[in-house]
């Protein structure tokens, strides 16, 4: 009888750890920060935006362009 109780206890512990691992995998990914493109005003993620020399962020399409009033 003790053998079956120990076996059931081990199965319960294994089931508990299996469920914890499954719950961690279902968690939502972290939200990315968004920044606004200084040229067109569109919001892009920080990781895909490029920072200009002035310190503002630009989207990929406007990364190499200057503002009309900006000197070269």
PDB file of N, CA and C in Angstrom:
ATOM      1  N   UNK A   1       0.821  -1.190   0.000  1.00  0.00           N
ATOM      2  CA  UNK A   1       0.000   0.000   0.000  1.00  0.00           C
ATOM      3  C   UNK A   1       0.873   1.265   0.000  1.00  0.00           C
ATOM      4  N   UNK A   2       1.934   1.285   0.782  1.00  0.00           N
ATOM      5  CA  UNK A   2       2.831   2.431   0.850  1.00  0.00           C
ATOM      6  C   UNK A   2       3.470   2.688  -0.511  1.00  0.00           C
ATOM      7  N   UNK A   3       3.745   1.642  -1.252  1.00  0.00           N
ATOM      8  CA  UNK A   3       4.347   1.765  -2.576  1.00  0.00           C
ATOM      9  C   UNK A   3       3.423   2.575  -3.504  1.00  0.00           C
ATOM     10  N   UNK A   4       2.122   2.334  -3.443  1.00  0.00           N
ATOM     11  CA  UNK A   4       1.166   3.039  -4.297  1.00  0.00           C
ATOM     12  C   UNK A   4       1.010   4.497  -3.875  1.00  0.00           C
ATOM     13  N   UNK A   5       1.078   4.767  -2.597  1.00  0.00           N
ATOM     14  CA  UNK A   5       0.980   6.141  -2.104  1.00  0.00           C
ATOM     15  C   UNK A   5       2.204   6.943  -2.557  1.00  0.00           C
ATOM     16  N   UNK A   6       3.392   6.348  -2.448  1.00  0.00           N
ATOM     17  CA  UNK A   6       4.613   7.022  -2.906  1.00  0.00           C
ATOM     18  C   UNK A   6       4.591   7.239  -4.416  1.00  0.00           C
ATOM     19  N   UNK A   7       4.111   6.254  -5.158  1.00  0.00           N
ATOM     20  CA  UNK A   7       4.022   6.386  -6.605  1.00  0.00           C
ATOM     21  C   UNK A   7       3.042   7.498  -6.993  1.00  0.00           C
ATOM     22  N   UNK A   8       1.916   7.581  -6.323  1.00  0.00           N
ATOM     23  CA  UNK A   8       0.952   8.643  -6.587  1.00  0.00           C
ATOM     24  C   UNK A   8       1.523  10.008  -6.207  1.00  0.00           C
ATOM     25  N   UNK A   9       2.268  10.083  -5.124  1.00  0.00           N
ATOM     26  CA  UNK A   9       2.903  11.333  -4.713  1.00  0.00           C
ATOM     27  C   UNK A   9       3.931  11.806  -5.728  1.00  0.00           C
ATOM     28  N   UNK A  10       4.753  10.879  -6.229  1.00  0.00           N
ATOM     29  CA  UNK A  10       5.744  11.235  -7.263  1.00  0.00           C
ATOM     30  C   UNK A  10       5.042  11.700  -8.535  1.00  0.00           C
ATOM     31  N   UNK A  11       3.952  11.026  -8.912  1.00  0.00           N
ATOM     32  CA  UNK A  11       3.203  11.425 -10.102  1.00  0.00           C
ATOM     33  C   UNK A  11       2.615  12.817  -9.909  1.00  0.00           C
ATOM     34  N   UNK A  12       2.126  13.122  -8.717  1.00  0.00           N
ATOM     35  CA  UNK A  12       1.555  14.437  -8.443  1.00  0.00           C
ATOM     36  C   UNK A  12       2.626  15.529  -8.526  1.00  0.00           C
ATOM     37  N   UNK A  13       3.809  15.256  -8.004  1.00  0.00           N
ATOM     38  CA  UNK A  13       4.900  16.226  -8.060  1.00  0.00           C
ATOM     39  C   UNK A  13       5.326  16.457  -9.508  1.00  0.00           C
ATOM     40  N   UNK A  14       5.457  15.398 -10.284  1.00  0.00           N
ATOM     41  CA  UNK A  14       5.825  15.541 -11.691  1.00  0.00           C
ATOM     42  C   UNK A  14       4.745  16.326 -12.463  1.00  0.00           C
ATOM     43  N   UNK A  15       3.490  16.055 -12.186  1.00  0.00           N
ATOM     44  CA  UNK A  15       2.395  16.761 -12.832  1.00  0.00           C
ATOM     45  C   UNK A  15       2.430  18.250 -12.464  1.00  0.00           C
ATOM     46  N   UNK A  16       2.726  18.553 -11.213  1.00  0.00           N
ATOM     47  CA  UNK A  16       2.805  19.940 -10.761  1.00  0.00           C
ATOM     48  C   UNK A  16       3.893  20.700 -11.522  1.00  0.00           C
ATOM     49  N   UNK A  17       5.094  20.116 -11.631  1.00  0.00           N
ATOM     50  CA  UNK A  17       6.188  20.782 -12.328  1.00  0.00           C
ATOM     51  C   UNK A  17       5.897  20.900 -13.825  1.00  0.00           C
ATOM     52  N   UNK A  18       5.230  19.916 -14.407  1.00  0.00           N
ATOM     53  CA  UNK A  18       4.865  19.970 -15.815  1.00  0.00           C
ATOM     54  C   UNK A  18       3.894  21.122 -16.076  1.00  0.00           C
ATOM     55  N   UNK A  19       2.924  21.288 -15.169  1.00  0.00           N
ATOM     56  CA  UNK A  19       1.951  22.372 -15.316  1.00  0.00           C
ATOM     57  C   UNK A  19       2.618  23.748 -15.156  1.00  0.00           C
ATOM     58  N   UNK A  20       3.571  23.870 -14.233  1.00  0.00           N
ATOM     59  CA  UNK A  20       4.272  25.135 -14.041  1.00  0.00           C
ATOM     60  C   UNK A  20       5.055  25.505 -15.298  1.00  0.00           C
ATOM     61  N   UNK A  21       5.688  24.521 -15.914  1.00  0.00           N
ATOM     62  CA  UNK A  21       6.452  24.779 -17.129  1.00  0.00           C
ATOM     63  C   UNK A  21       5.529  25.224 -18.261  1.00  0.00           C
ATOM     64  N   UNK A  22       4.361  24.623 -18.361  1.00  0.00           N
ATOM     65  CA  UNK A  22       3.400  25.003 -19.391  1.00  0.00           C
ATOM     66  C   UNK A  22       2.865  26.415 -19.166  1.00  0.00           C
ATOM     67  N   UNK A  23       2.638  26.786 -17.930  1.00  0.00           N
ATOM     68  CA  UNK A  23       2.128  28.126 -17.619  1.00  0.00           C
ATOM     69  C   UNK A  23       3.144  29.201 -17.970  1.00  0.00           C
ATOM     70  N   UNK A  24       4.413  28.942 -17.729  1.00  0.00           N
ATOM     71  CA  UNK A  24       5.445  29.922 -18.050  1.00  0.00           C
ATOM     72  C   UNK A  24       5.552  30.123 -19.554  1.00  0.00           C
ATOM     73  N   UNK A  25       5.325  29.075 -20.330  1.00  0.00           N
ATOM     74  CA  UNK A  25       5.421  29.187 -21.781  1.00  0.00           C
ATOM     75  C   UNK A  25       4.266  29.998 -22.354  1.00  0.00           C
ATOM     76  N   UNK A  26       3.124  30.060 -21.685  1.00  0.00           N
ATOM     77  CA  UNK A  26       1.960  30.777 -22.182  1.00  0.00           C
ATOM     78  C   UNK A  26       1.972  32.258 -21.851  1.00  0.00           C
ATOM     79  N   UNK A  27       2.894  32.723 -21.060  1.00  0.00           N
ATOM     80  CA  UNK A  27       2.916  34.137 -20.681  1.00  0.00           C
ATOM     81  C   UNK A  27       3.106  35.010 -21.909  1.00  0.00           C
ATOM     82  N   UNK A  28       2.537  36.197 -21.847  1.00  0.00           N
ATOM     83  CA  UNK A  28       2.644  37.134 -22.957  1.00  0.00           C
ATOM     84  C   UNK A  28       4.072  37.654 -23.071  1.00  0.00           C
ATOM     85  N   UNK A  29       4.497  37.911 -24.291  1.00  0.00           N
ATOM     86  CA  UNK A  29       5.829  38.515 -24.449  1.00  0.00           C
ATOM     87  C   UNK A  29       5.825  39.956 -23.949  1.00  0.00           C
ATOM     88  N   UNK A  30       6.968  40.442 -23.607  1.00  0.00           N
ATOM     89  CA  UNK A  30       7.084  41.813 -23.117  1.00  0.00           C
ATOM     90  C   UNK A  30       6.713  42.797 -24.224  1.00  0.00           C
ATOM     91  N   UNK A  31       6.062  43.882 -23.873  1.00  0.00           N
ATOM     92  CA  UNK A  31       5.676  44.885 -24.846  1.00  0.00           C
ATOM     93  C   UNK A  31       6.887  45.718 -25.246  1.00  0.00           C
ATOM     94  N   UNK A  32       6.948  46.042 -26.516  1.00  0.00           N
ATOM     95  CA  UNK A  32       8.041  46.868 -27.006  1.00  0.00           C
ATOM     96  C   UNK A  32       7.676  48.344 -26.857  1.00  0.00           C
ATOM     97  N   UNK A  33       8.661  49.145 -26.634  1.00  0.00           N
ATOM     98  CA  UNK A  33       8.451  50.583 -26.564  1.00  0.00           C
ATOM     99  C   UNK A  33       8.345  51.139 -27.977  1.00  0.00           C
ATOM    100  N   UNK A  34       7.445  52.089 -28.153  1.00  0.00           N
ATOM    101  CA  UNK A  34       7.268  52.736 -29.440  1.00  0.00           C
ATOM    102  C   UNK A  34       7.788  54.162 -29.373  1.00  0.00           C
ATOM    103  N   UNK A  35       8.378  54.610 -30.489  1.00  0.00           N
ATOM    104  CA  UNK A  35       8.832  55.990 -30.624  1.00  0.00           C
ATOM    105  C   UNK A  35       8.232  56.552 -31.900  1.00  0.00           C
ATOM    106  N   UNK A  36       8.154  57.856 -31.974  1.00  0.00           N
ATOM    107  CA  UNK A  36       7.550  58.516 -33.127  1.00  0.00           C
ATOM    108  C   UNK A  36       8.637  58.996 -34.080  1.00  0.00           C
ATOM    109  N   UNK A  37       8.451  58.719 -35.359  1.00  0.00           N
ATOM    110  CA  UNK A  37       9.384  59.189 -36.387  1.00  0.00           C
ATOM    111  C   UNK A  37       9.285  60.706 -36.458  1.00  0.00           C
ATOM    112  N   UNK A  38      10.418  61.394 -36.410  1.00  0.00           N
ATOM    113  CA  UNK A  38      10.405  62.861 -36.426  1.00  0.00           C
ATOM    114  C   UNK A  38      10.092  63.408 -37.814  1.00  0.00           C
ATOM    115  N   UNK A  39      10.146  62.588 -38.819  1.00  0.00           N
ATOM    116  CA  UNK A  39       9.881  63.040 -40.200  1.00  0.00           C
ATOM    117  C   UNK A  39       8.412  62.868 -40.593  1.00  0.00           C
ATOM    118  N   UNK A  40       7.858  61.660 -40.399  1.00  0.00           N
ATOM    119  CA  UNK A  40       6.486  61.400 -40.861  1.00  0.00           C
ATOM    120  C   UNK A  40       5.486  61.261 -39.720  1.00  0.00           C
ATOM    121  N   UNK A  41       5.944  61.095 -38.480  1.00  0.00           N
ATOM    122  CA  UNK A  41       5.045  61.002 -37.338  1.00  0.00           C
ATOM    123  C   UNK A  41       4.528  59.603 -37.055  1.00  0.00           C
ATOM    124  N   UNK A  42       4.951  58.615 -37.829  1.00  0.00           N
ATOM    125  CA  UNK A  42       4.495  57.246 -37.620  1.00  0.00           C
ATOM    126  C   UNK A  42       5.215  56.638 -36.413  1.00  0.00           C
ATOM    127  N   UNK A  43       4.487  55.824 -35.655  1.00  0.00           N
ATOM    128  CA  UNK A  43       5.075  55.150 -34.506  1.00  0.00           C
ATOM    129  C   UNK A  43       5.728  53.847 -34.952  1.00  0.00           C
ATOM    130  N   UNK A  44       6.973  53.645 -34.548  1.00  0.00           N
ATOM    131  CA  UNK A  44       7.715  52.424 -34.848  1.00  0.00           C
ATOM    132  C   UNK A  44       8.354  51.932 -33.559  1.00  0.00           C
ATOM    133  N   UNK A  45       8.695  50.653 -33.520  1.00  0.00           N
ATOM    134  CA  UNK A  45       9.331  50.115 -32.318  1.00  0.00           C
ATOM    135  C   UNK A  45      10.746  50.661 -32.187  1.00  0.00           C
ATOM    136  N   UNK A  46      11.236  50.708 -30.983  1.00  0.00           N
ATOM    137  CA  UNK A  46      12.573  51.243 -30.712  1.00  0.00           C
ATOM    138  C   UNK A  46      13.630  50.422 -31.446  1.00  0.00           C
ATOM    139  N   UNK A  47      13.385  49.121 -31.551  1.00  0.00           N
ATOM    140  CA  UNK A  47      14.376  48.243 -32.161  1.00  0.00           C
ATOM    141  C   UNK A  47      14.466  48.416 -33.675  1.00  0.00           C
ATOM    142  N   UNK A  48      13.397  48.855 -34.321  1.00  0.00           N
ATOM    143  CA  UNK A  48      13.451  49.040 -35.772  1.00  0.00           C
ATOM    144  C   UNK A  48      13.702  50.497 -36.158  1.00  0.00           C
ATOM    145  N   UNK A  49      13.632  51.416 -35.222  1.00  0.00           N
ATOM    146  CA  UNK A  49      13.879  52.831 -35.516  1.00  0.00           C
ATOM    147  C   UNK A  49      15.379  53.108 -35.456  1.00  0.00           C
ATOM    148  N   UNK A  50      15.774  54.134 -36.191  1.00  0.00           N
ATOM    149  CA  UNK A  50      17.171  54.564 -36.186  1.00  0.00           C
ATOM    150  C   UNK A  50      17.246  55.943 -35.558  1.00  0.00           C
ATOM    151  N   UNK A  51      18.256  56.147 -34.736  1.00  0.00           N
ATOM    152  CA  UNK A  51      18.412  57.422 -34.051  1.00  0.00           C
ATOM    153  C   UNK A  51      19.314  58.328 -34.874  1.00  0.00           C
ATOM    154  N   UNK A  52      18.862  59.528 -35.111  1.00  0.00           N
ATOM    155  CA  UNK A  52      19.658  60.471 -35.912  1.00  0.00           C
ATOM    156  C   UNK A  52      20.713  61.141 -35.031  1.00  0.00           C
ATOM    157  N   UNK A  53      21.561  61.932 -35.680  1.00  0.00           N
ATOM    158  CA  UNK A  53      22.630  62.626 -34.947  1.00  0.00           C
ATOM    159  C   UNK A  53      22.062  63.633 -33.964  1.00  0.00           C
ATOM    160  N   UNK A  54      20.877  64.179 -34.261  1.00  0.00           N
ATOM    161  CA  UNK A  54      20.254  65.162 -33.373  1.00  0.00           C
ATOM    162  C   UNK A  54      19.616  64.508 -32.151  1.00  0.00           C
ATOM    163  N   UNK A  55      19.465  63.205 -32.178  1.00  0.00           N
ATOM    164  CA  UNK A  55      18.894  62.498 -31.039  1.00  0.00           C
ATOM    165  C   UNK A  55      17.452  62.084 -31.218  1.00  0.00           C
ATOM    166  N   UNK A  56      16.843  62.461 -32.341  1.00  0.00           N
ATOM    167  CA  UNK A  56      15.459  62.043 -32.567  1.00  0.00           C
ATOM    168  C   UNK A  56      15.437  60.733 -33.357  1.00  0.00           C
ATOM    169  N   UNK A  57      14.294  60.082 -33.361  1.00  0.00           N
ATOM    170  CA  UNK A  57      14.167  58.788 -34.011  1.00  0.00           C
ATOM    171  C   UNK A  57      13.561  58.945 -35.393  1.00  0.00           C
ATOM    172  N   UNK A  58      13.992  58.102 -36.308  1.00  0.00           N
ATOM    173  CA  UNK A  58      13.457  58.072 -37.665  1.00  0.00           C
ATOM    174  C   UNK A  58      13.117  56.628 -38.034  1.00  0.00           C
ATOM    175  N   UNK A  59      12.055  56.475 -38.843  1.00  0.00           N
ATOM    176  CA  UNK A  59      11.732  55.139 -39.344  1.00  0.00           C
ATOM    177  C   UNK A  59      12.726  54.777 -40.447  1.00  0.00           C
ATOM    178  N   UNK A  60      12.685  53.558 -40.909  1.00  0.00           N
ATOM    179  CA  UNK A  60      13.641  53.073 -41.906  1.00  0.00           C
ATOM    180  C   UNK A  60      13.557  53.895 -43.195  1.00  0.00           C
ATOM    181  N   UNK A  61      12.352  54.278 -43.614  1.00  0.00           N
ATOM    182  CA  UNK A  61      12.187  55.028 -44.857  1.00  0.00           C
ATOM    183  C   UNK A  61      12.811  56.421 -44.783  1.00  0.00           C
ATOM    184  N   UNK A  62      12.873  57.023 -43.607  1.00  0.00           N
ATOM    185  CA  UNK A  62      13.376  58.383 -43.471  1.00  0.00           C
ATOM    186  C   UNK A  62      14.723  58.463 -42.745  1.00  0.00           C
ATOM    187  N   UNK A  63      15.403  57.366 -42.608  1.00  0.00           N
ATOM    188  CA  UNK A  63      16.641  57.342 -41.824  1.00  0.00           C
ATOM    189  C   UNK A  63      17.734  58.203 -42.446  1.00  0.00           C
ATOM    190  N   UNK A  64      17.829  58.230 -43.754  1.00  0.00           N
ATOM    191  CA  UNK A  64      18.899  58.995 -44.396  1.00  0.00           C
ATOM    192  C   UNK A  64      18.487  60.378 -44.811  1.00  0.00           C
ATOM    193  N   UNK A  65      17.218  60.736 -44.682  1.00  0.00           N
ATOM    194  CA  UNK A  65      16.730  62.046 -45.136  1.00  0.00           C
ATOM    195  C   UNK A  65      16.863  63.086 -44.040  1.00  0.00           C
ATOM    196  N   UNK A  66      17.039  64.322 -44.465  1.00  0.00           N
ATOM    197  CA  UNK A  66      17.111  65.450 -43.557  1.00  0.00           C
ATOM    198  C   UNK A  66      15.810  66.230 -43.662  1.00  0.00           C
ATOM    199  N   UNK A  67      15.444  66.984 -42.622  1.00  0.00           N
ATOM    200  CA  UNK A  67      14.312  67.901 -42.692  1.00  0.00           C
ATOM    201  C   UNK A  67      14.630  69.017 -43.689  1.00  0.00           C
ATOM    202  N   UNK A  68      13.597  69.665 -44.195  1.00  0.00           N
ATOM    203  CA  UNK A  68      13.797  70.748 -45.170  1.00  0.00           C
ATOM    204  C   UNK A  68      14.612  71.903 -44.563  1.00  0.00           C
ATOM    205  N   UNK A  69      14.426  72.150 -43.279  1.00  0.00           N
ATOM    206  CA  UNK A  69      15.137  73.251 -42.631  1.00  0.00           C
ATOM    207  C   UNK A  69      16.472  72.851 -42.029  1.00  0.00           C
ATOM    208  N   UNK A  70      16.791  71.574 -42.064  1.00  0.00           N
ATOM    209  CA  UNK A  70      18.049  71.112 -41.466  1.00  0.00           C
ATOM    210  C   UNK A  70      19.222  71.380 -42.400  1.00  0.00           C
ATOM    211  N   UNK A  71      20.351  71.864 -41.868  1.00  0.00           N
ATOM    212  CA  UNK A  71      21.548  72.021 -42.701  1.00  0.00           C
ATOM    213  C   UNK A  71      22.166  70.661 -42.997  1.00  0.00           C
ATOM    214  N   UNK A  72      22.944  70.597 -44.070  1.00  0.00           N
ATOM    215  CA  UNK A  72      23.599  69.320 -44.421  1.00  0.00           C
ATOM    216  C   UNK A  72      24.603  68.899 -43.433  1.00  0.00           C
TER     217      UNK A  72
END
